[in-house]
Amino acid sequence: MEFEEINEELENIIEKLESGEITLSKGLELYERAKFLINESNKKLTEAKIKLETINAEEE
């Protein structure tokens, strides 16, 4: 899953949670999914940071 796709899904989850039109169990399910997506997003950002650091180190 690409970083942009993760962010899009997170935005959709936030909209659903903020709507107040979901059940408690659905809200918990969405919360769990959001936590997973946040972790995946953080992994992608860490990978990108390492790649940029490697590129910058090669230029020096």
Foldseek 3Di string as FASTA:
>chain_A
DDLVVLVVLLVVLVVVLVVPPDDPVVNVVSVVVNVVSVVVNVVVVVVVVVVVVVVVVVVD
